[in-house]
C-alpha cells in the first residue's frame, strides 16, 4: 500500500528542509561524498520514530552511477532525457548503471 512506502528525506534531522529528498554530492580528486536524509518508514502500519535503530537499519540503500556520453563535447537535450529515462525504475537502474561500493553508510 502506498501509505506504507518510505517518504524520501522524511527523517531529516540535519539538512535545511523539513522533508529533504535531495542528494548532496561533494567531490574531491579521490572521493565523492553522498549525503542524504533517511527515508521515513512504516513497519506494519506503525511509523518508526526518526533516529531509531529500526529506522536506520531496515532500509538498505544502494547507490548507482551512470556516466552520460557526450557527443562533440556537448550533451544534447535528447541524450540527457534518454539517460534520465533509464534511471526511473529500480530494474532499469540496475541494468543501466554501475553499483558503487560504499563506505561509512
PDB file of N, CA and C in Angstrom:
ATOM      1  N   UNK A   1       0.832  -1.177   0.000  1.00  0.00           N
ATOM      2  CA  UNK A   1       0.000   0.000   0.000  1.00  0.00           C
ATOM      3  C   UNK A   1       0.875   1.239   0.000  1.00  0.00           C
ATOM      4  N   UNK A   2       0.471   2.260  -0.756  1.00  0.00           N
ATOM      5  CA  UNK A   2       1.306   3.451  -0.944  1.00  0.00           C
ATOM      6  C   UNK A   2       1.620   4.151   0.365  1.00  0.00           C
ATOM      7  N   UNK A   3       0.731   4.130   1.347  1.00  0.00           N
ATOM      8  CA  UNK A   3       0.980   4.872   2.575  1.00  0.00           C
ATOM      9  C   UNK A   3       2.001   4.177   3.474  1.00  0.00           C
ATOM     10  N   UNK A   4       2.441   2.987   3.120  1.00  0.00           N
ATOM     11  CA  UNK A   4       3.488   2.304   3.865  1.00  0.00           C
ATOM     12  C   UNK A   4       4.866   2.521   3.243  1.00  0.00           C
ATOM     13  N   UNK A   5       4.900   3.132   2.050  1.00  0.00           N
ATOM     14  CA  UNK A   5       6.176   3.375   1.369  1.00  0.00           C
ATOM     15  C   UNK A   5       6.986   4.433   2.104  1.00  0.00           C
ATOM     16  N   UNK A   6       8.315   4.339   2.020  1.00  0.00           N
ATOM     17  CA  UNK A   6       9.145   5.380   2.644  1.00  0.00           C
ATOM     18  C   UNK A   6       8.905   6.742   1.997  1.00  0.00           C
ATOM     19  N   UNK A   7       8.997   7.788   2.796  1.00  0.00           N
ATOM     20  CA  UNK A   7       8.957   9.155   2.276  1.00  0.00           C
ATOM     21  C   UNK A   7      10.405   9.604   2.183  1.00  0.00           C
ATOM     22  N   UNK A   8      10.944   9.781   0.964  1.00  0.00           N
ATOM     23  CA  UNK A   8      12.354  10.186   0.860  1.00  0.00           C
ATOM     24  C   UNK A   8      12.623  11.455   1.651  1.00  0.00           C
ATOM     25  N   UNK A   9      13.648  11.414   2.474  1.00  0.00           N
ATOM     26  CA  UNK A   9      14.010  12.578   3.271  1.00  0.00           C
ATOM     27  C   UNK A   9      13.091  12.829   4.441  1.00  0.00           C
ATOM     28  N   UNK A  10      12.199  11.884   4.747  1.00  0.00           N
ATOM     29  CA  UNK A  10      11.226  12.070   5.813  1.00  0.00           C
ATOM     30  C   UNK A  10      11.821  12.094   7.206  1.00  0.00           C
ATOM     31  N   UNK A  11      13.024  11.587   7.345  1.00  0.00           N
ATOM     32  CA  UNK A  11      13.697  11.618   8.656  1.00  0.00           C
ATOM     33  C   UNK A  11      14.869  12.578   8.578  1.00  0.00           C
ATOM     34  N   UNK A  12      14.589  13.786   8.186  1.00  0.00           N
ATOM     35  CA  UNK A  12      15.620  14.798   8.033  1.00  0.00           C
ATOM     36  C   UNK A  12      15.876  15.465   9.376  1.00  0.00           C
ATOM     37  N   UNK A  13      17.038  15.213   9.946  1.00  0.00           N
ATOM     38  CA  UNK A  13      17.392  15.822  11.223  1.00  0.00           C
ATOM     39  C   UNK A  13      18.513  16.851  11.076  1.00  0.00           C
ATOM     40  N   UNK A  14      19.122  16.953   9.879  1.00  0.00           N
ATOM     41  CA  UNK A  14      20.300  17.805   9.710  1.00  0.00           C
ATOM     42  C   UNK A  14      20.234  18.773   8.537  1.00  0.00           C
ATOM     43  N   UNK A  15      19.571  18.393   7.472  1.00  0.00           N
ATOM     44  CA  UNK A  15      19.615  19.178   6.246  1.00  0.00           C
ATOM     45  C   UNK A  15      18.570  20.290   6.283  1.00  0.00           C
ATOM     46  N   UNK A  16      18.662  21.318   5.423  1.00  0.00           N
ATOM     47  CA  UNK A  16      17.884  22.537   5.572  1.00  0.00           C
ATOM     48  C   UNK A  16      16.361  22.433   5.423  1.00  0.00           C
ATOM     49  N   UNK A  17      15.831  21.464   4.710  1.00  0.00           N
ATOM     50  CA  UNK A  17      14.390  21.376   4.505  1.00  0.00           C
ATOM     51  C   UNK A  17      13.754  20.406   5.493  1.00  0.00           C
ATOM     52  N   UNK A  18      12.457  20.586   5.765  1.00  0.00           N
ATOM     53  CA  UNK A  18      11.769  19.675   6.687  1.00  0.00           C
ATOM     54  C   UNK A  18      11.775  18.249   6.149  1.00  0.00           C
ATOM     55  N   UNK A  19      11.338  18.034   4.919  1.00  0.00           N
ATOM     56  CA  UNK A  19      11.460  16.752   4.212  1.00  0.00           C
ATOM     57  C   UNK A  19      12.392  16.994   3.047  1.00  0.00           C
ATOM     58  N   UNK A  20      13.600  16.497   3.146  1.00  0.00           N
ATOM     59  CA  UNK A  20      14.612  16.783   2.136  1.00  0.00           C
ATOM     60  C   UNK A  20      14.950  15.524   1.350  1.00  0.00           C
ATOM     61  N   UNK A  21      14.375  15.427   0.165  1.00  0.00           N
ATOM     62  CA  UNK A  21      14.616  14.261  -0.686  1.00  0.00           C
ATOM     63  C   UNK A  21      15.801  14.465  -1.622  1.00  0.00           C
ATOM     64  N   UNK A  22      16.561  15.526  -1.428  1.00  0.00           N
ATOM     65  CA  UNK A  22      17.714  15.813  -2.269  1.00  0.00           C
ATOM     66  C   UNK A  22      18.897  14.945  -1.885  1.00  0.00           C
ATOM     67  N   UNK A  23      19.784  14.761  -2.843  1.00  0.00           N
ATOM     68  CA  UNK A  23      21.053  14.087  -2.610  1.00  0.00           C
ATOM     69  C   UNK A  23      22.133  15.143  -2.799  1.00  0.00           C
ATOM     70  N   UNK A  24      22.996  15.282  -1.805  1.00  0.00           N
ATOM     71  CA  UNK A  24      24.070  16.273  -1.852  1.00  0.00           C
ATOM     72  C   UNK A  24      25.380  15.564  -2.157  1.00  0.00           C
ATOM     73  N   UNK A  25      26.058  15.984  -3.216  1.00  0.00           N
ATOM     74  CA  UNK A  25      27.333  15.395  -3.625  1.00  0.00           C
ATOM     75  C   UNK A  25      28.451  16.394  -3.405  1.00  0.00           C
ATOM     76  N   UNK A  26      29.535  15.921  -2.798  1.00  0.00           N
ATOM     77  CA  UNK A  26      30.738  16.713  -2.643  1.00  0.00           C
ATOM     78  C   UNK A  26      31.877  15.869  -3.196  1.00  0.00           C
ATOM     79  N   UNK A  27      32.613  16.396  -4.139  1.00  0.00           N
ATOM     80  CA  UNK A  27      33.647  15.602  -4.799  1.00  0.00           C
ATOM     81  C   UNK A  27      35.025  16.207  -4.606  1.00  0.00           C
ATOM     82  N   UNK A  28      36.004  15.334  -4.480  1.00  0.00           N
ATOM     83  CA  UNK A  28      37.404  15.730  -4.493  1.00  0.00           C
ATOM     84  C   UNK A  28      38.092  14.856  -5.545  1.00  0.00           C
ATOM     85  N   UNK A  29      39.392  14.963  -5.652  1.00  0.00           N
ATOM     86  CA  UNK A  29      40.084  14.179  -6.672  1.00  0.00           C
ATOM     87  C   UNK A  29      40.077  12.690  -6.372  1.00  0.00           C
ATOM     88  N   UNK A  30      39.869  12.303  -5.112  1.00  0.00           N
ATOM     89  CA  UNK A  30      39.939  10.883  -4.777  1.00  0.00           C
ATOM     90  C   UNK A  30      38.648  10.304  -4.211  1.00  0.00           C
ATOM     91  N   UNK A  31      37.656  11.153  -3.916  1.00  0.00           N
ATOM     92  CA  UNK A  31      36.472  10.644  -3.224  1.00  0.00           C
ATOM     93  C   UNK A  31      35.251  11.506  -3.551  1.00  0.00           C
ATOM     94  N   UNK A  32      34.105  10.852  -3.591  1.00  0.00           N
ATOM     95  CA  UNK A  32      32.836  11.564  -3.718  1.00  0.00           C
ATOM     96  C   UNK A  32      32.015  11.254  -2.484  1.00  0.00           C
ATOM     97  N   UNK A  33      31.532  12.283  -1.816  1.00  0.00           N
ATOM     98  CA  UNK A  33      30.725  12.112  -0.608  1.00  0.00           C
ATOM     99  C   UNK A  33      29.264  12.324  -0.978  1.00  0.00           C
ATOM    100  N   UNK A  34      28.416  11.367  -0.597  1.00  0.00           N
ATOM    101  CA  UNK A  34      26.989  11.440  -0.847  1.00  0.00           C
ATOM    102  C   UNK A  34      26.299  11.624   0.498  1.00  0.00           C
ATOM    103  N   UNK A  35      25.502  12.682   0.625  1.00  0.00           N
ATOM    104  CA  UNK A  35      24.784  12.951   1.868  1.00  0.00           C
ATOM    105  C   UNK A  35      23.299  13.040   1.551  1.00  0.00           C
ATOM    106  N   UNK A  36      22.480  12.374   2.367  1.00  0.00           N
ATOM    107  CA  UNK A  36      21.044  12.399   2.164  1.00  0.00           C
ATOM    108  C   UNK A  36      20.353  12.142   3.489  1.00  0.00           C
ATOM    109  N   UNK A  37      19.083  12.507   3.559  1.00  0.00           N
ATOM    110  CA  UNK A  37      18.284  12.240   4.755  1.00  0.00           C
ATOM    111  C   UNK A  37      17.640  10.867   4.606  1.00  0.00           C
ATOM    112  N   UNK A  38      17.597  10.111   5.694  1.00  0.00           N
ATOM    113  CA  UNK A  38      16.975   8.787   5.661  1.00  0.00           C
ATOM    114  C   UNK A  38      15.499   8.902   5.323  1.00  0.00           C
ATOM    115  N   UNK A  39      14.966   7.850   4.709  1.00  0.00           N
ATOM    116  CA  UNK A  39      13.542   7.805   4.411  1.00  0.00           C
ATOM    117  C   UNK A  39      12.725   7.539   5.666  1.00  0.00           C
ATOM    118  N   UNK A  40      11.547   8.105   5.697  1.00  0.00           N
ATOM    119  CA  UNK A  40      10.595   7.890   6.784  1.00  0.00           C
ATOM    120  C   UNK A  40       9.841   6.602   6.467  1.00  0.00           C
ATOM    121  N   UNK A  41       9.857   5.618   7.373  1.00  0.00           N
ATOM    122  CA  UNK A  41       9.222   4.346   7.055  1.00  0.00           C
ATOM    123  C   UNK A  41       8.165   3.958   8.081  1.00  0.00           C
ATOM    124  N   UNK A  42       7.263   3.111   7.628  1.00  0.00           N
ATOM    125  CA  UNK A  42       6.249   2.497   8.477  1.00  0.00           C
ATOM    126  C   UNK A  42       6.499   0.995   8.460  1.00  0.00           C
ATOM    127  N   UNK A  43       6.404   0.367   9.617  1.00  0.00           N
ATOM    128  CA  UNK A  43       6.537  -1.078   9.700  1.00  0.00           C
ATOM    129  C   UNK A  43       5.233  -1.598  10.268  1.00  0.00           C
ATOM    130  N   UNK A  44       4.551  -2.432   9.495  1.00  0.00           N
ATOM    131  CA  UNK A  44       3.237  -2.972   9.881  1.00  0.00           C
ATOM    132  C   UNK A  44       2.261  -1.857  10.231  1.00  0.00           C
ATOM    133  N   UNK A  45       2.305  -0.757   9.482  1.00  0.00           N
ATOM    134  CA  UNK A  45       1.380   0.343   9.699  1.00  0.00           C
ATOM    135  C   UNK A  45       1.746   1.271  10.837  1.00  0.00           C
ATOM    136  N   UNK A  46       2.894   1.046  11.482  1.00  0.00           N
ATOM    137  CA  UNK A  46       3.333   1.895  12.592  1.00  0.00           C
ATOM    138  C   UNK A  46       4.548   2.696  12.152  1.00  0.00           C
ATOM    139  N   UNK A  47       4.455   4.022  12.267  1.00  0.00           N
ATOM    140  CA  UNK A  47       5.573   4.880  11.871  1.00  0.00           C
ATOM    141  C   UNK A  47       6.664   4.776  12.928  1.00  0.00           C
ATOM    142  N   UNK A  48       7.869   4.437  12.465  1.00  0.00           N
ATOM    143  CA  UNK A  48       9.025   4.367  13.364  1.00  0.00           C
ATOM    144  C   UNK A  48       9.558   5.772  13.602  1.00  0.00           C
ATOM    145  N   UNK A  49       9.912   6.111  14.835  1.00  0.00           N
ATOM    146  CA  UNK A  49      10.439   7.451  15.097  1.00  0.00           C
ATOM    147  C   UNK A  49      11.786   7.665  14.404  1.00  0.00           C
ATOM    148  N   UNK A  50      11.979   8.860  13.899  1.00  0.00           N
ATOM    149  CA  UNK A  50      13.249   9.194  13.244  1.00  0.00           C
ATOM    150  C   UNK A  50      14.385   9.072  14.242  1.00  0.00           C
ATOM    151  N   UNK A  51      15.487   8.505  13.779  1.00  0.00           N
ATOM    152  CA  UNK A  51      16.647   8.340  14.633  1.00  0.00           C
ATOM    153  C   UNK A  51      16.670   7.024  15.375  1.00  0.00           C
ATOM    154  N   UNK A  52      15.588   6.244  15.298  1.00  0.00           N
ATOM    155  CA  UNK A  52      15.588   4.951  15.977  1.00  0.00           C
ATOM    156  C   UNK A  52      16.486   3.978  15.228  1.00  0.00           C
ATOM    157  N   UNK A  53      16.952   2.950  15.925  1.00  0.00           N
ATOM    158  CA  UNK A  53      17.826   1.973  15.274  1.00  0.00           C
ATOM    159  C   UNK A  53      17.078   1.235  14.175  1.00  0.00           C
ATOM    160  N   UNK A  54      15.787   1.010  14.350  1.00  0.00           N
ATOM    161  CA  UNK A  54      14.995   0.353  13.312  1.00  0.00           C
ATOM    162  C   UNK A  54      14.966   1.223  12.064  1.00  0.00           C
ATOM    163  N   UNK A  55      14.777   2.509  12.261  1.00  0.00           N
ATOM    164  CA  UNK A  55      14.703   3.452  11.144  1.00  0.00           C
ATOM    165  C   UNK A  55      15.977   3.416  10.298  1.00  0.00           C
ATOM    166  N   UNK A  56      17.124   3.253  10.922  1.00  0.00           N
ATOM    167  CA  UNK A  56      18.386   3.286  10.186  1.00  0.00           C
ATOM    168  C   UNK A  56      18.837   1.916   9.705  1.00  0.00           C
ATOM    169  N   UNK A  57      18.279   0.842  10.247  1.00  0.00           N
ATOM    170  CA  UNK A  57      18.728  -0.490   9.865  1.00  0.00           C
ATOM    171  C   UNK A  57      17.815  -1.205   8.888  1.00  0.00           C
ATOM    172  N   UNK A  58      16.544  -0.830   8.820  1.00  0.00           N
ATOM    173  CA  UNK A  58      15.617  -1.532   7.934  1.00  0.00           C
ATOM    174  C   UNK A  58      15.837  -1.165   6.467  1.00  0.00           C
ATOM    175  N   UNK A  59      15.851   0.116   6.098  1.00  0.00           N
ATOM    176  CA  UNK A  59      16.068   0.409   4.671  1.00  0.00           C
ATOM    177  C   UNK A  59      17.505   0.088   4.277  1.00  0.00           C
ATOM    178  N   UNK A  60      17.669  -0.451   3.086  1.00  0.00           N
ATOM    179  CA  UNK A  60      19.003  -0.697   2.530  1.00  0.00           C
ATOM    180  C   UNK A  60      19.133   0.219   1.324  1.00  0.00           C
ATOM    181  N   UNK A  61      20.158   1.038   1.338  1.00  0.00           N
ATOM    182  CA  UNK A  61      20.371   1.997   0.263  1.00  0.00           C
ATOM    183  C   UNK A  61      21.508   1.513  -0.626  1.00  0.00           C
ATOM    184  N   UNK A  62      21.240   1.385  -1.916  1.00  0.00           N
ATOM    185  CA  UNK A  62      22.274   1.101  -2.901  1.00  0.00           C
ATOM    186  C   UNK A  62      22.439   2.361  -3.740  1.00  0.00           C
ATOM    187  N   UNK A  63      23.665   2.706  -4.037  1.00  0.00           N
ATOM    188  CA  UNK A  63      23.958   3.890  -4.844  1.00  0.00           C
ATOM    189  C   UNK A  63      24.539   3.423  -6.174  1.00  0.00           C
ATOM    190  N   UNK A  64      23.963   3.919  -7.250  1.00  0.00           N
ATOM    191  CA  UNK A  64      24.408   3.576  -8.603  1.00  0.00           C
ATOM    192  C   UNK A  64      24.884   4.840  -9.301  1.00  0.00           C
ATOM    193  N   UNK A  65      25.817   4.664 -10.203  1.00  0.00           N
ATOM    194  CA  UNK A  65      26.257   5.801 -11.018  1.00  0.00           C
ATOM    195  C   UNK A  65      26.171   5.430 -12.487  1.00  0.00           C
ATOM    196  N   UNK A  66      25.875   6.443 -13.292  1.00  0.00           N
ATOM    197  CA  UNK A  66      25.834   6.272 -14.738  1.00  0.00           C
ATOM    198  C   UNK A  66      26.447   7.512 -15.366  1.00  0.00           C
ATOM    199  N   UNK A  67      27.395   7.302 -16.237  1.00  0.00           N
ATOM    200  CA  UNK A  67      28.021   8.420 -16.942  1.00  0.00           C
ATOM    201  C   UNK A  67      27.276   8.676 -18.238  1.00  0.00           C
ATOM    202  N   UNK A  68      27.071   9.930 -18.543  1.00  0.00           N
ATOM    203  CA  UNK A  68      26.419  10.308 -19.789  1.00  0.00           C
ATOM    204  C   UNK A  68      27.480  10.493 -20.859  1.00  0.00           C
ATOM    205  N   UNK A  69      27.226   9.919 -22.024  1.00  0.00           N
ATOM    206  CA  UNK A  69      28.182  10.101 -23.115  1.00  0.00           C
ATOM    207  C   UNK A  69      27.968  11.473 -23.745  1.00  0.00           C
ATOM    208  N   UNK A  70      29.055  12.097 -24.089  1.00  0.00           N
ATOM    209  CA  UNK A  70      28.978  13.417 -24.719  1.00  0.00           C
ATOM    210  C   UNK A  70      29.377  13.302 -26.174  1.00  0.00           C
ATOM    211  N   UNK A  71      28.621  13.949 -27.015  1.00  0.00           N
ATOM    212  CA  UNK A  71      28.930  13.958 -28.437  1.00  0.00           C
ATOM    213  C   UNK A  71      29.466  15.331 -28.791  1.00  0.00           C
ATOM    214  N   UNK A  72      30.656  15.372 -29.331  1.00  0.00           N
ATOM    215  CA  UNK A  72      31.313  16.620 -29.729  1.00  0.00           C
ATOM    216  C   UNK A  72      31.353  17.617 -28.567  1.00  0.00           C
ATOM    217  N   UNK A  73      31.749  17.145 -27.390  1.00  0.00           N
ATOM    218  CA  UNK A  73      31.913  17.998 -26.220  1.00  0.00           C
ATOM    219  C   UNK A  73      30.612  18.648 -25.761  1.00  0.00           C
ATOM    220  N   UNK A  74      29.475  18.106 -26.159  1.00  0.00           N
ATOM    221  CA  UNK A  74      28.206  18.740 -25.853  1.00  0.00           C
ATOM    222  C   UNK A  74      27.157  17.678 -25.549  1.00  0.00           C
ATOM    223  N   UNK A  75      26.415  17.871 -24.501  1.00  0.00           N
ATOM    224  CA  UNK A  75      25.353  16.948 -24.135  1.00  0.00           C
ATOM    225  C   UNK A  75      24.025  17.541 -24.581  1.00  0.00           C
ATOM    226  N   UNK A  76      23.387  16.900 -25.537  1.00  0.00           N
ATOM    227  CA  UNK A  76      22.122  17.412 -26.052  1.00  0.00           C
ATOM    228  C   UNK A  76      20.947  17.051 -25.150  1.00  0.00           C
ATOM    229  N   UNK A  77      19.887  17.792 -25.310  1.00  0.00           N
ATOM    230  CA  UNK A  77      18.679  17.585 -24.504  1.00  0.00           C
ATOM    231  C   UNK A  77      18.112  16.189 -24.699  1.00  0.00           C
ATOM    232  N   UNK A  78      18.084  15.720 -25.928  1.00  0.00           N
ATOM    233  CA  UNK A  78      17.542  14.386 -26.220  1.00  0.00           C
ATOM    234  C   UNK A  78      18.364  13.291 -25.534  1.00  0.00           C
ATOM    235  N   UNK A  79      19.674  13.414 -25.586  1.00  0.00           N
ATOM    236  CA  UNK A  79      20.566  12.448 -24.934  1.00  0.00           C
ATOM    237  C   UNK A  79      20.367  12.476 -23.427  1.00  0.00           C
ATOM    238  N   UNK A  80      20.269  13.671 -22.861  1.00  0.00           N
ATOM    239  CA  UNK A  80      20.095  13.817 -21.425  1.00  0.00           C
ATOM    240  C   UNK A  80      18.800  13.156 -20.950  1.00  0.00           C
ATOM    241  N   UNK A  81      17.678  13.460 -21.607  1.00  0.00           N
ATOM    242  CA  UNK A  81      16.403  12.912 -21.166  1.00  0.00           C
ATOM    243  C   UNK A  81      16.292  11.415 -21.422  1.00  0.00           C
ATOM    244  N   UNK A  82      16.969  10.910 -22.446  1.00  0.00           N
ATOM    245  CA  UNK A  82      17.008   9.456 -22.663  1.00  0.00           C
ATOM    246  C   UNK A  82      17.741   8.780 -21.511  1.00  0.00           C
ATOM    247  N   UNK A  83      18.827   9.388 -21.044  1.00  0.00           N
ATOM    248  CA  UNK A  83      19.584   8.837 -19.913  1.00  0.00           C
ATOM    249  C   UNK A  83      18.754   8.891 -18.632  1.00  0.00           C
ATOM    250  N   UNK A  84      18.062   9.989 -18.393  1.00  0.00           N
ATOM    251  CA  UNK A  84      17.201  10.105 -17.211  1.00  0.00           C
ATOM    252  C   UNK A  84      16.122   9.022 -17.260  1.00  0.00           C
ATOM    253  N   UNK A  85      15.604   8.750 -18.431  1.00  0.00           N
ATOM    254  CA  UNK A  85      14.583   7.715 -18.592  1.00  0.00           C
ATOM    255  C   UNK A  85      15.079   6.329 -18.234  1.00  0.00           C
ATOM    256  N   UNK A  86      16.390   6.112 -18.341  1.00  0.00           N
ATOM    257  CA  UNK A  86      16.972   4.819 -17.973  1.00  0.00           C
ATOM    258  C   UNK A  86      17.251   4.721 -16.479  1.00  0.00           C
ATOM    259  N   UNK A  87      16.930   5.755 -15.710  1.00  0.00           N
ATOM    260  CA  UNK A  87      17.192   5.761 -14.268  1.00  0.00           C
ATOM    261  C   UNK A  87      15.916   6.011 -13.462  1.00  0.00           C
ATOM    262  N   UNK A  88      14.755   5.668 -13.998  1.00  0.00           N
ATOM    263  CA  UNK A  88      13.495   5.948 -13.319  1.00  0.00           C
ATOM    264  C   UNK A  88      12.990   4.791 -12.465  1.00  0.00           C
ATOM    265  N   UNK A  89      13.283   3.565 -12.850  1.00  0.00           N
ATOM    266  CA  UNK A  89      12.791   2.407 -12.108  1.00  0.00           C
ATOM    267  C   UNK A  89      13.983   1.573 -11.631  1.00  0.00           C
ATOM    268  N   UNK A  90      13.849   0.940 -10.469  1.00  0.00           N
ATOM    269  CA  UNK A  90      14.975   0.160  -9.931  1.00  0.00           C
ATOM    270  C   UNK A  90      15.543  -0.855 -10.921  1.00  0.00           C
ATOM    271  N   UNK A  91      14.689  -1.578 -11.619  1.00  0.00           N
ATOM    272  CA  UNK A  91      15.210  -2.586 -12.557  1.00  0.00           C
ATOM    273  C   UNK A  91      15.966  -1.946 -13.725  1.00  0.00           C
ATOM    274  N   UNK A  92      15.554  -0.741 -14.145  1.00  0.00           N
ATOM    275  CA  UNK A  92      16.275  -0.033 -15.207  1.00  0.00           C
ATOM    276  C   UNK A  92      17.622   0.476 -14.698  1.00  0.00           C
ATOM    277  N   UNK A  93      17.636   0.960 -13.476  1.00  0.00           N
ATOM    278  CA  UNK A  93      18.881   1.462 -12.883  1.00  0.00           C
ATOM    279  C   UNK A  93      19.904   0.345 -12.785  1.00  0.00           C
ATOM    280  N   UNK A  94      19.469  -0.838 -12.367  1.00  0.00           N
ATOM    281  CA  UNK A  94      20.392  -1.964 -12.211  1.00  0.00           C
ATOM    282  C   UNK A  94      21.006  -2.400 -13.528  1.00  0.00           C
ATOM    283  N   UNK A  95      20.295  -2.220 -14.633  1.00  0.00           N
ATOM    284  CA  UNK A  95      20.856  -2.615 -15.929  1.00  0.00           C
ATOM    285  C   UNK A  95      21.604  -1.473 -16.624  1.00  0.00           C
ATOM    286  N   UNK A  96      21.287  -0.222 -16.295  1.00  0.00           N
ATOM    287  CA  UNK A  96      21.889   0.921 -16.983  1.00  0.00           C
ATOM    288  C   UNK A  96      23.071   1.540 -16.248  1.00  0.00           C
ATOM    289  N   UNK A  97      23.200   1.262 -14.961  1.00  0.00           N
ATOM    290  CA  UNK A  97      24.212   1.953 -14.153  1.00  0.00           C
ATOM    291  C   UNK A  97      25.081   0.942 -13.410  1.00  0.00           C
ATOM    292  N   UNK A  98      26.088   1.452 -12.736  1.00  0.00           N
ATOM    293  CA  UNK A  98      27.036   0.622 -12.000  1.00  0.00           C
ATOM    294  C   UNK A  98      26.858   0.849 -10.506  1.00  0.00           C
ATOM    295  N   UNK A  99      26.773  -0.247  -9.745  1.00  0.00           N
ATOM    296  CA  UNK A  99      26.657  -0.185  -8.301  1.00  0.00           C
ATOM    297  C   UNK A  99      27.971   0.348  -7.729  1.00  0.00           C
ATOM    298  N   UNK A 100      27.870   1.341  -6.858  1.00  0.00           N
ATOM    299  CA  UNK A 100      29.050   1.953  -6.259  1.00  0.00           C
ATOM    300  C   UNK A 100      29.320   1.286  -4.919  1.00  0.00           C
ATOM    301  N   UNK A 101      30.577   0.959  -4.657  1.00  0.00           N
ATOM    302  CA  UNK A 101      30.965   0.425  -3.346  1.00  0.00           C
ATOM    303  C   UNK A 101      30.954   1.567  -2.364  1.00  0.00           C
ATOM    304  N   UNK A 102      30.323   1.350  -1.221  1.00  0.00           N
ATOM    305  CA  UNK A 102      30.170   2.420  -0.241  1.00  0.00           C
ATOM    306  C   UNK A 102      30.949   2.112   1.022  1.00  0.00           C
ATOM    307  N   UNK A 103      31.388   3.166   1.679  1.00  0.00           N
ATOM    308  CA  UNK A 103      31.992   3.042   2.989  1.00  0.00           C
ATOM    309  C   UNK A 103      31.296   4.022   3.921  1.00  0.00           C
ATOM    310  N   UNK A 104      31.128   3.637   5.159  1.00  0.00           N
ATOM    311  CA  UNK A 104      30.506   4.510   6.179  1.00  0.00           C
ATOM    312  C   UNK A 104      29.114   4.984   5.775  1.00  0.00           C
ATOM    313  N   UNK A 105      28.269   4.077   5.469  1.00  0.00           N
ATOM    314  CA  UNK A 105      26.909   4.479   5.105  1.00  0.00           C
ATOM    315  C   UNK A 105      26.074   4.678   6.317  1.00  0.00           C
TER     316      UNK A 105
END
